[in-house]
Amino acid sequence: ITGVVVPVISIALATLVSTTVNVLRARQVDIRALINKEACDLRLLRRAVFGMFGTRQHSGRRARALSLLAAYVRQINKECQNGAVESLQELELSGGICTNQLDELSAMLHGVDGAAVSRQGSVGTAEGIIARLNSFRSDRVALLLTY
């Protein structure tokens, strides 16, 4: 058994370990890239909120929108902590993984309390950013839930 078998087994195991490490590293890099994209878009969305609700008349709406953004950041932070996969799996099973604070922020853009009439450029920008954020979060959560 010490002839050719031991070197072949050691090469096979080394290849398996190397492949596993490479896959895990690539996954980590992808998750980090998505978090960075979310952070950049959140900064842009914050600017759009000030564009939509920048006047004194809209200070209550601005405060509400900024508190929703802060809650979304807390959610991202929670989803990146140890044990996040288990809580995400529970959310997925309960059907609540798709809902987040961006839904409520998106609803603030339209309707009676919305900023759509007076600030259409900022609203359009915010809608695009919210769509990208949802896409980034979806990709990130999918990566976290696949192992």
C-alpha atoms as a PDB file:
ATOM      1  CA  ILE A   1       0.000   0.000   0.000  1.00  0.00           C
ATOM      2  CA  THR A   2       2.985   2.319   0.410  1.00  0.00           C
ATOM      3  CA  GLY A   3       4.015   2.216  -3.249  1.00  0.00           C
ATOM      4  CA  VAL A   4       1.921   4.376  -5.548  1.00  0.00           C
ATOM      5  CA  VAL A   5      -1.273   4.539  -3.481  1.00  0.00           C
ATOM      6  CA  VAL A   6      -0.103   6.924  -0.730  1.00  0.00           C
ATOM      7  CA  PRO A   7       1.198   9.628  -3.103  1.00  0.00           C
ATOM      8  CA  VAL A   8      -1.960   9.396  -5.230  1.00  0.00           C
ATOM      9  CA  ILE A   9      -4.219   9.743  -2.182  1.00  0.00           C
ATOM     10  CA  SER A  10      -2.193  12.685  -0.866  1.00  0.00           C
ATOM     11  CA  ILE A  11      -2.386  14.465  -4.243  1.00  0.00           C
ATOM     12  CA  ALA A  12      -6.140  13.837  -4.438  1.00  0.00           C
ATOM     13  CA  LEU A  13      -6.691  15.193  -0.920  1.00  0.00           C
ATOM     14  CA  ALA A  14      -4.488  18.216  -1.578  1.00  0.00           C
ATOM     15  CA  THR A  15      -6.449  18.971  -4.744  1.00  0.00           C
ATOM     16  CA  LEU A  16      -9.734  18.666  -2.866  1.00  0.00           C
ATOM     17  CA  VAL A  17      -8.570  20.996  -0.082  1.00  0.00           C
ATOM     18  CA  SER A  18      -7.204  23.505  -2.584  1.00  0.00           C
ATOM     19  CA  THR A  19     -10.471  23.548  -4.536  1.00  0.00           C
ATOM     20  CA  THR A  20     -12.504  23.986  -1.350  1.00  0.00           C
ATOM     21  CA  VAL A  21     -10.349  26.899  -0.176  1.00  0.00           C
ATOM     22  CA  ASN A  22     -10.579  28.579  -3.592  1.00  0.00           C
ATOM     23  CA  VAL A  23     -14.371  28.260  -3.697  1.00  0.00           C
ATOM     24  CA  LEU A  24     -14.747  29.641  -0.171  1.00  0.00           C
ATOM     25  CA  ARG A  25     -12.390  32.520  -0.902  1.00  0.00           C
ATOM     26  CA  ALA A  26     -14.256  33.417  -4.090  1.00  0.00           C
ATOM     27  CA  ARG A  27     -17.534  33.369  -2.173  1.00  0.00           C
ATOM     28  CA  GLN A  28     -16.059  35.638   0.498  1.00  0.00           C
ATOM     29  CA  VAL A  29     -14.815  38.087  -2.137  1.00  0.00           C
ATOM     30  CA  ASP A  30     -18.239  38.113  -3.843  1.00  0.00           C
ATOM     31  CA  ILE A  31     -20.023  38.808  -0.550  1.00  0.00           C
ATOM     32  CA  ARG A  32     -17.570  41.596   0.289  1.00  0.00           C
ATOM     33  CA  ALA A  33     -18.064  43.155  -3.156  1.00  0.00           C
ATOM     34  CA  LEU A  34     -21.841  43.109  -2.734  1.00  0.00           C
ATOM     35  CA  ILE A  35     -21.599  44.709   0.710  1.00  0.00           C
ATOM     36  CA  ASN A  36     -19.379  47.456  -0.723  1.00  0.00           C
ATOM     37  CA  LYS A  37     -21.860  48.059  -3.555  1.00  0.00           C
ATOM     38  CA  GLU A  38     -24.696  48.268  -1.030  1.00  0.00           C
ATOM     39  CA  ALA A  39     -22.706  50.755   1.061  1.00  0.00           C
ATOM     40  CA  CYS A  40     -22.032  52.985  -1.953  1.00  0.00           C
ATOM     41  CA  ASP A  41     -25.666  52.914  -3.046  1.00  0.00           C
ATOM     42  CA  LEU A  42     -26.820  53.665   0.492  1.00  0.00           C
ATOM     43  CA  ARG A  43     -24.655  56.780   0.469  1.00  0.00           C
ATOM     44  CA  LEU A  44     -26.228  57.835  -2.845  1.00  0.00           C
ATOM     45  CA  LEU A  45     -29.721  57.057  -1.558  1.00  0.00           C
ATOM     46  CA  ARG A  46     -29.064  59.236   1.476  1.00  0.00           C
ATOM     47  CA  ARG A  47     -28.240  62.112  -0.875  1.00  0.00           C
ATOM     48  CA  ALA A  48     -31.405  61.430  -2.876  1.00  0.00           C
ATOM     49  CA  VAL A  49     -33.442  61.536   0.360  1.00  0.00           C
ATOM     50  CA  PHE A  50     -32.052  64.994   1.070  1.00  0.00           C
ATOM     51  CA  GLY A  51     -32.906  65.957  -2.499  1.00  0.00           C
ATOM     52  CA  MET A  52     -36.497  64.758  -2.150  1.00  0.00           C
ATOM     53  CA  PHE A  53     -37.161  65.857   1.415  1.00  0.00           C
ATOM     54  CA  GLY A  54     -34.640  68.676   1.777  1.00  0.00           C
ATOM     55  CA  THR A  55     -36.968  71.492   2.726  1.00  0.00           C
ATOM     56  CA  ARG A  56     -38.124  72.377   6.208  1.00  0.00           C
ATOM     57  CA  GLN A  57     -41.657  71.453   5.147  1.00  0.00           C
ATOM     58  CA  HIS A  58     -40.508  67.844   4.589  1.00  0.00           C
ATOM     59  CA  SER A  59     -38.350  67.502   7.712  1.00  0.00           C
ATOM     60  CA  GLY A  60     -40.630  64.846   9.232  1.00  0.00           C
ATOM     61  CA  ARG A  61     -40.538  62.759   6.065  1.00  0.00           C
ATOM     62  CA  ARG A  62     -36.783  63.237   5.809  1.00  0.00           C
ATOM     63  CA  ALA A  63     -36.318  62.031   9.397  1.00  0.00           C
ATOM     64  CA  ARG A  64     -38.533  59.006   8.715  1.00  0.00           C
ATOM     65  CA  ALA A  65     -36.645  58.145   5.506  1.00  0.00           C
ATOM     66  CA  LEU A  66     -33.273  58.481   7.231  1.00  0.00           C
ATOM     67  CA  SER A  67     -34.447  56.290  10.113  1.00  0.00           C
ATOM     68  CA  LEU A  68     -35.498  53.639   7.571  1.00  0.00           C
ATOM     69  CA  LEU A  69     -32.039  53.823   5.996  1.00  0.00           C
ATOM     70  CA  ALA A  70     -30.426  53.444   9.417  1.00  0.00           C
ATOM     71  CA  ALA A  71     -32.622  50.423  10.158  1.00  0.00           C
ATOM     72  CA  TYR A  72     -31.620  48.887   6.808  1.00  0.00           C
ATOM     73  CA  VAL A  73     -27.936  49.378   7.685  1.00  0.00           C
ATOM     74  CA  ARG A  74     -28.544  47.643  11.028  1.00  0.00           C
ATOM     75  CA  GLN A  75     -30.169  44.783   9.133  1.00  0.00           C
ATOM     76  CA  ILE A  76     -27.137  44.476   6.825  1.00  0.00           C
ATOM     77  CA  ASN A  77     -24.860  44.480   9.857  1.00  0.00           C
ATOM     78  CA  LYS A  78     -26.955  41.766  11.510  1.00  0.00           C
ATOM     79  CA  GLU A  79     -26.865  39.684   8.331  1.00  0.00           C
ATOM     80  CA  CYS A  80     -23.067  39.839   8.317  1.00  0.00           C
ATOM     81  CA  GLN A  81     -22.538  38.671  11.910  1.00  0.00           C
ATOM     82  CA  ASN A  82     -21.817  35.164  13.167  1.00  0.00           C
ATOM     83  CA  GLY A  83     -24.981  33.112  13.214  1.00  0.00           C
ATOM     84  CA  ALA A  84     -26.563  35.154  10.432  1.00  0.00           C
ATOM     85  CA  VAL A  85     -27.080  32.133   8.214  1.00  0.00           C
ATOM     86  CA  GLU A  86     -29.360  30.484  10.766  1.00  0.00           C
ATOM     87  CA  SER A  87     -31.479  33.598  11.203  1.00  0.00           C
ATOM     88  CA  LEU A  88     -31.657  34.063   7.419  1.00  0.00           C
ATOM     89  CA  GLN A  89     -32.795  30.464   7.015  1.00  0.00           C
ATOM     90  CA  GLU A  90     -35.529  31.040   9.592  1.00  0.00           C
ATOM     91  CA  LEU A  91     -36.602  34.193   7.765  1.00  0.00           C
ATOM     92  CA  GLU A  92     -36.627  32.288   4.482  1.00  0.00           C
ATOM     93  CA  LEU A  93     -38.833  29.552   5.915  1.00  0.00           C
ATOM     94  CA  SER A  94     -41.244  32.087   7.404  1.00  0.00           C
ATOM     95  CA  GLY A  95     -41.515  33.920   4.076  1.00  0.00           C
ATOM     96  CA  GLY A  96     -40.157  37.189   5.422  1.00  0.00           C
ATOM     97  CA  ILE A  97     -36.751  37.273   3.769  1.00  0.00           C
ATOM     98  CA  CYS A  98     -37.967  39.516   0.938  1.00  0.00           C
ATOM     99  CA  THR A  99     -39.284  42.295   3.141  1.00  0.00           C
ATOM    100  CA  ASN A 100     -37.084  45.072   4.419  1.00  0.00           C
ATOM    101  CA  GLN A 101     -37.098  48.785   5.132  1.00  0.00           C
ATOM    102  CA  LEU A 102     -36.574  49.635   1.469  1.00  0.00           C
ATOM    103  CA  ASP A 103     -40.192  48.655   0.774  1.00  0.00           C
ATOM    104  CA  GLU A 104     -41.467  51.285   3.175  1.00  0.00           C
ATOM    105  CA  LEU A 105     -39.003  53.859   1.842  1.00  0.00           C
ATOM    106  CA  SER A 106     -40.155  53.120  -1.697  1.00  0.00           C
ATOM    107  CA  ALA A 107     -43.760  53.646  -0.609  1.00  0.00           C
ATOM    108  CA  MET A 108     -42.797  57.069   0.766  1.00  0.00           C
ATOM    109  CA  LEU A 109     -41.817  58.213  -2.723  1.00  0.00           C
ATOM    110  CA  HIS A 110     -45.382  58.172  -4.053  1.00  0.00           C
ATOM    111  CA  GLY A 111     -48.904  58.891  -2.961  1.00  0.00           C
ATOM    112  CA  VAL A 112     -50.253  61.724  -0.873  1.00  0.00           C
ATOM    113  CA  ASP A 113     -47.172  61.982   1.317  1.00  0.00           C
ATOM    114  CA  GLY A 114     -44.763  61.333  -1.539  1.00  0.00           C
ATOM    115  CA  ALA A 115     -42.208  63.585  -3.092  1.00  0.00           C
ATOM    116  CA  ALA A 116     -43.000  62.534  -6.665  1.00  0.00           C
ATOM    117  CA  VAL A 117     -44.699  65.743  -7.715  1.00  0.00           C
ATOM    118  CA  SER A 118     -42.085  68.300  -6.751  1.00  0.00           C
ATOM    119  CA  ARG A 119     -38.868  66.289  -6.914  1.00  0.00           C
ATOM    120  CA  GLN A 120     -39.251  63.895  -9.835  1.00  0.00           C
ATOM    121  CA  GLY A 121     -35.497  63.723 -10.581  1.00  0.00           C
ATOM    122  CA  SER A 122     -34.613  62.741  -7.026  1.00  0.00           C
ATOM    123  CA  VAL A 123     -37.499  60.261  -6.886  1.00  0.00           C
ATOM    124  CA  GLY A 124     -36.379  58.572 -10.096  1.00  0.00           C
ATOM    125  CA  THR A 125     -32.821  58.350  -8.794  1.00  0.00           C
ATOM    126  CA  ALA A 126     -34.011  56.933  -5.482  1.00  0.00           C
ATOM    127  CA  GLU A 127     -36.187  54.328  -7.211  1.00  0.00           C
ATOM    128  CA  GLY A 128     -33.214  53.142  -9.277  1.00  0.00           C
ATOM    129  CA  ILE A 129     -30.976  52.943  -6.227  1.00  0.00           C
ATOM    130  CA  ILE A 130     -33.598  51.022  -4.233  1.00  0.00           C
ATOM    131  CA  ALA A 131     -33.943  48.520  -7.086  1.00  0.00           C
ATOM    132  CA  ARG A 132     -30.142  48.031  -7.170  1.00  0.00           C
ATOM    133  CA  LEU A 133     -29.984  47.670  -3.376  1.00  0.00           C
ATOM    134  CA  ASN A 134     -32.660  44.987  -3.475  1.00  0.00           C
ATOM    135  CA  SER A 135     -30.722  43.174  -6.191  1.00  0.00           C
ATOM    136  CA  PHE A 136     -27.436  43.376  -4.251  1.00  0.00           C
ATOM    137  CA  ARG A 137     -29.109  42.159  -1.058  1.00  0.00           C
ATOM    138  CA  SER A 138     -30.762  39.304  -2.903  1.00  0.00           C
ATOM    139  CA  ASP A 139     -27.425  38.206  -4.369  1.00  0.00           C
ATOM    140  CA  ARG A 140     -25.663  38.539  -1.007  1.00  0.00           C
ATOM    141  CA  VAL A 141     -28.304  36.582   0.891  1.00  0.00           C
ATOM    142  CA  ALA A 142     -28.282  33.877  -1.792  1.00  0.00           C
ATOM    143  CA  LEU A 143     -24.518  33.557  -1.417  1.00  0.00           C
ATOM    144  CA  LEU A 144     -24.812  33.363   2.357  1.00  0.00           C
ATOM    145  CA  LEU A 145     -27.487  30.688   2.178  1.00  0.00           C
ATOM    146  CA  THR A 146     -25.562  28.427  -0.209  1.00  0.00           C
ATOM    147  CA  TYR A 147     -22.874  26.370   1.419  1.00  0.00           C
END
